[in-house]
Amino acid sequence: MSQSLPLLGLPVAEAHQRMVAEALHDGVDVNLLQIGHPYVRGDGRVGLLVSVADEAFNDPNMKWYGSVDFSLRRMPLEEFFQGIELKIKLPATAEGGLNVTTDDVVDKLSEIFKIRFDPVDYFSDAIVSAGSADYMLRATVVSPRWTGQVLVQIYPDL
C-alpha cells in the first residue's frame, strides 16, 4: 500500500484514486471505475463505494462487475506529528499579539510538512491573543483524511 506521507499532500480525490488503483487486481484499469464520495463509517474509517463505470461494460476484457465498499484508515493528527512540539510563528498585530484563524495555522503546517488540509478537515476558529497562544487543532468527525487533535503553540512574528 501507499506510504501515507505523500498521500497526505494530495487532494483527497487523487489520493483515493491512487489507493484504489494499488488495491486492484492486475489488468483492471482504475479509469474504468467510478469512485464515490468518501463517507465516515460507524467504525471511524472512511468508506468509498467503488463500482464499475458504465463504459467498462463495453470492454470485452473487463472481468469484474458490481461494486465494493473500499475502506480507508484516517490519520490521527497525534500520530502524524509523533509528539513533536509544534511551534509556529504567524504575523503579529501592531500591538505584538495575534489575530489569526485556523486557516492560517493549517496553511503554515501545510507549508512546513508538505501535507494538505481542506476546510472539511478541521474546525475553524478565530485565535486572538495579546501574545502567544496554545491552540488545539481539531479534526472534524467528517474529515476524510484526519482524526483527533494536536496542540500547536503560536507565536507572533514580530
Protein backbone atom coordinates (compact mmCIF):
# COMPACT_ATOMS: atom_id res chain seq x y z
CA MET A 1 0.00 0.00 0.00
CA SER A 2 0.97 3.63 -0.42
CA GLN A 3 3.09 5.42 2.10
CA SER A 4 0.88 7.87 3.99
CA LEU A 5 3.01 11.00 3.84
CA PRO A 6 2.92 11.59 0.06
CA LEU A 7 -0.82 10.86 0.01
CA LEU A 8 -1.47 13.43 2.75
CA GLY A 9 -0.15 16.12 0.40
CA LEU A 10 -2.61 15.30 -2.40
CA PRO A 11 -6.19 16.40 -2.92
CA VAL A 12 -8.49 13.79 -1.35
CA ALA A 13 -9.94 12.55 -4.67
CA GLU A 14 -6.47 12.00 -6.14
CA ALA A 15 -5.21 10.20 -3.02
CA HIS A 16 -8.27 7.93 -3.02
CA GLN A 17 -7.80 7.10 -6.70
CA ARG A 18 -4.17 6.10 -6.07
CA MET A 19 -5.11 3.87 -3.13
CA VAL A 20 -7.87 2.16 -5.11
CA ALA A 21 -5.52 1.69 -8.09
CA GLU A 22 -2.93 -0.02 -5.87
CA ALA A 23 -5.54 -2.42 -4.50
CA LEU A 24 -6.80 -3.58 -7.90
CA HIS A 25 -6.27 -6.96 -9.48
CA ASP A 26 -3.71 -6.99 -12.29
CA GLY A 27 -5.22 -5.89 -15.56
CA VAL A 28 -8.01 -3.77 -14.09
CA ASP A 29 -7.79 -0.11 -15.14
CA VAL A 30 -8.75 2.35 -12.40
CA ASN A 31 -10.09 4.63 -15.13
CA LEU A 32 -12.86 2.07 -15.77
CA LEU A 33 -14.11 2.50 -12.21
CA GLN A 34 -16.29 5.08 -10.52
CA ILE A 35 -15.09 6.12 -7.08
CA GLY A 36 -17.85 7.52 -4.90
CA HIS A 37 -17.68 10.32 -2.37
CA PRO A 38 -15.95 9.46 0.90
CA TYR A 39 -18.09 8.92 3.98
CA VAL A 40 -17.23 8.15 7.58
CA ARG A 41 -18.32 4.65 8.58
CA GLY A 42 -19.55 3.65 12.01
CA ASP A 43 -16.12 2.25 12.89
CA GLY A 44 -14.46 5.63 12.19
CA ARG A 45 -12.83 4.53 8.94
CA VAL A 46 -13.60 6.20 5.63
CA GLY A 47 -15.63 4.26 3.10
CA LEU A 48 -15.65 4.67 -0.67
CA LEU A 49 -18.12 2.91 -2.90
CA VAL A 50 -16.12 1.74 -5.91
CA SER A 51 -18.10 0.44 -8.86
CA VAL A 52 -17.54 -0.45 -12.49
CA ALA A 53 -18.19 2.54 -14.76
CA ASP A 54 -20.90 2.18 -17.41
CA GLU A 55 -18.39 2.40 -20.27
CA ALA A 56 -16.45 -0.56 -18.81
CA PHE A 57 -19.32 -2.89 -19.68
CA ASN A 58 -18.41 -2.34 -23.34
CA ASP A 59 -14.86 -3.58 -22.76
CA PRO A 60 -14.71 -7.33 -23.53
CA ASN A 61 -11.61 -7.68 -21.32
CA MET A 62 -13.42 -6.45 -18.22
CA LYS A 63 -14.00 -9.49 -15.99
CA TRP A 64 -15.24 -7.65 -12.92
CA TYR A 65 -18.72 -6.25 -12.32
CA GLY A 66 -20.61 -4.78 -9.43
CA SER A 67 -19.28 -2.65 -6.60
CA VAL A 68 -17.28 -2.87 -3.41
CA ASP A 69 -17.06 -0.76 -0.27
CA PHE A 70 -13.39 0.27 -0.08
CA SER A 71 -12.22 1.09 3.46
CA LEU A 72 -9.50 3.56 4.45
CA ARG A 73 -7.93 4.43 7.78
CA ARG A 74 -7.86 8.15 8.58
CA MET A 75 -4.64 9.54 10.05
CA PRO A 76 -4.79 10.69 13.68
CA LEU A 77 -3.19 14.13 13.96
CA GLU A 78 -1.36 12.99 17.12
CA GLU A 79 0.13 10.03 15.29
CA PHE A 80 1.18 12.05 12.25
CA PHE A 81 3.04 14.65 14.32
CA GLN A 82 4.53 11.93 16.62
CA GLY A 83 4.84 14.06 19.74
CA ILE A 84 6.64 16.95 18.01
CA GLU A 85 6.19 20.21 19.89
CA LEU A 86 4.53 22.23 17.18
CA LYS A 87 5.67 25.83 17.44
CA ILE A 88 4.91 28.24 14.62
CA LYS A 89 5.14 31.98 14.03
CA LEU A 90 2.29 33.87 12.44
CA PRO A 91 2.02 37.59 11.64
CA ALA A 92 1.72 39.82 14.69
CA THR A 93 -0.79 42.61 15.17
CA ALA A 94 0.53 46.17 15.53
CA GLU A 95 0.40 45.62 19.30
CA GLY A 96 2.51 42.45 19.08
CA GLY A 97 -0.33 39.98 19.63
CA LEU A 98 -2.18 37.51 17.44
CA ASN A 99 -5.35 37.89 15.41
CA VAL A 100 -5.34 34.81 13.16
CA THR A 101 -7.58 31.90 12.21
CA THR A 102 -7.31 28.15 11.96
CA ASP A 103 -6.81 28.65 8.22
CA ASP A 104 -3.55 30.48 8.98
CA VAL A 105 -2.42 27.65 11.27
CA VAL A 106 -3.13 24.86 8.77
CA ASP A 107 -1.58 26.88 5.93
CA LYS A 108 1.65 27.14 7.92
CA LEU A 109 1.61 23.45 8.89
CA SER A 110 0.89 22.51 5.26
CA GLU A 111 3.85 24.59 4.11
CA ILE A 112 6.23 23.09 6.67
CA PHE A 113 5.19 19.44 6.47
CA LYS A 114 4.02 19.30 2.81
CA ILE A 115 0.59 17.99 3.82
CA ARG A 116 -2.88 19.16 2.91
CA PHE A 117 -5.86 20.33 4.90
CA ASP A 118 -9.20 21.11 3.30
CA PRO A 119 -11.88 23.16 5.12
CA VAL A 120 -13.86 19.97 5.83
CA ASP A 121 -10.85 18.58 7.74
CA TYR A 122 -10.81 20.96 10.72
CA PHE A 123 -12.90 23.18 12.96
CA SER A 124 -12.37 26.83 12.10
CA ASP A 125 -11.69 29.23 14.95
CA ALA A 126 -10.52 32.79 15.45
CA ILE A 127 -7.35 32.92 17.54
CA VAL A 128 -6.92 36.25 19.28
CA SER A 129 -4.28 36.80 21.93
CA ALA A 130 -2.24 39.63 23.43
CA GLY A 131 0.86 37.43 22.99
CA SER A 132 1.48 33.78 22.14
CA ALA A 133 -1.33 31.23 22.17
CA ASP A 134 -1.75 27.50 22.66
CA TYR A 135 -4.24 26.27 20.08
CA MET A 136 -5.79 22.81 19.82
CA LEU A 137 -6.16 21.92 16.13
CA ARG A 138 -9.15 19.55 15.95
CA ALA A 139 -10.19 17.34 13.05
CA THR A 140 -13.89 17.26 12.23
CA VAL A 141 -15.77 14.00 12.52
CA VAL A 142 -16.43 14.07 8.77
CA SER A 143 -12.84 14.67 7.67
CA PRO A 144 -11.91 12.10 5.00
CA ARG A 145 -8.25 12.47 5.94
CA TRP A 146 -7.69 13.28 9.65
CA THR A 147 -8.96 12.38 13.13
CA GLY A 148 -8.13 13.61 16.61
CA GLN A 149 -6.40 16.76 17.70
CA VAL A 150 -2.95 18.22 18.24
CA LEU A 151 -1.61 21.18 20.23
CA VAL A 152 0.02 23.99 18.26
CA GLN A 153 1.89 26.78 20.01
CA ILE A 154 1.55 30.01 18.06
CA TYR A 155 3.92 32.94 18.48
CA PRO A 156 3.60 36.41 17.00
CA ASP A 157 6.20 37.05 14.30
CA LEU A 158 7.38 40.50 15.34
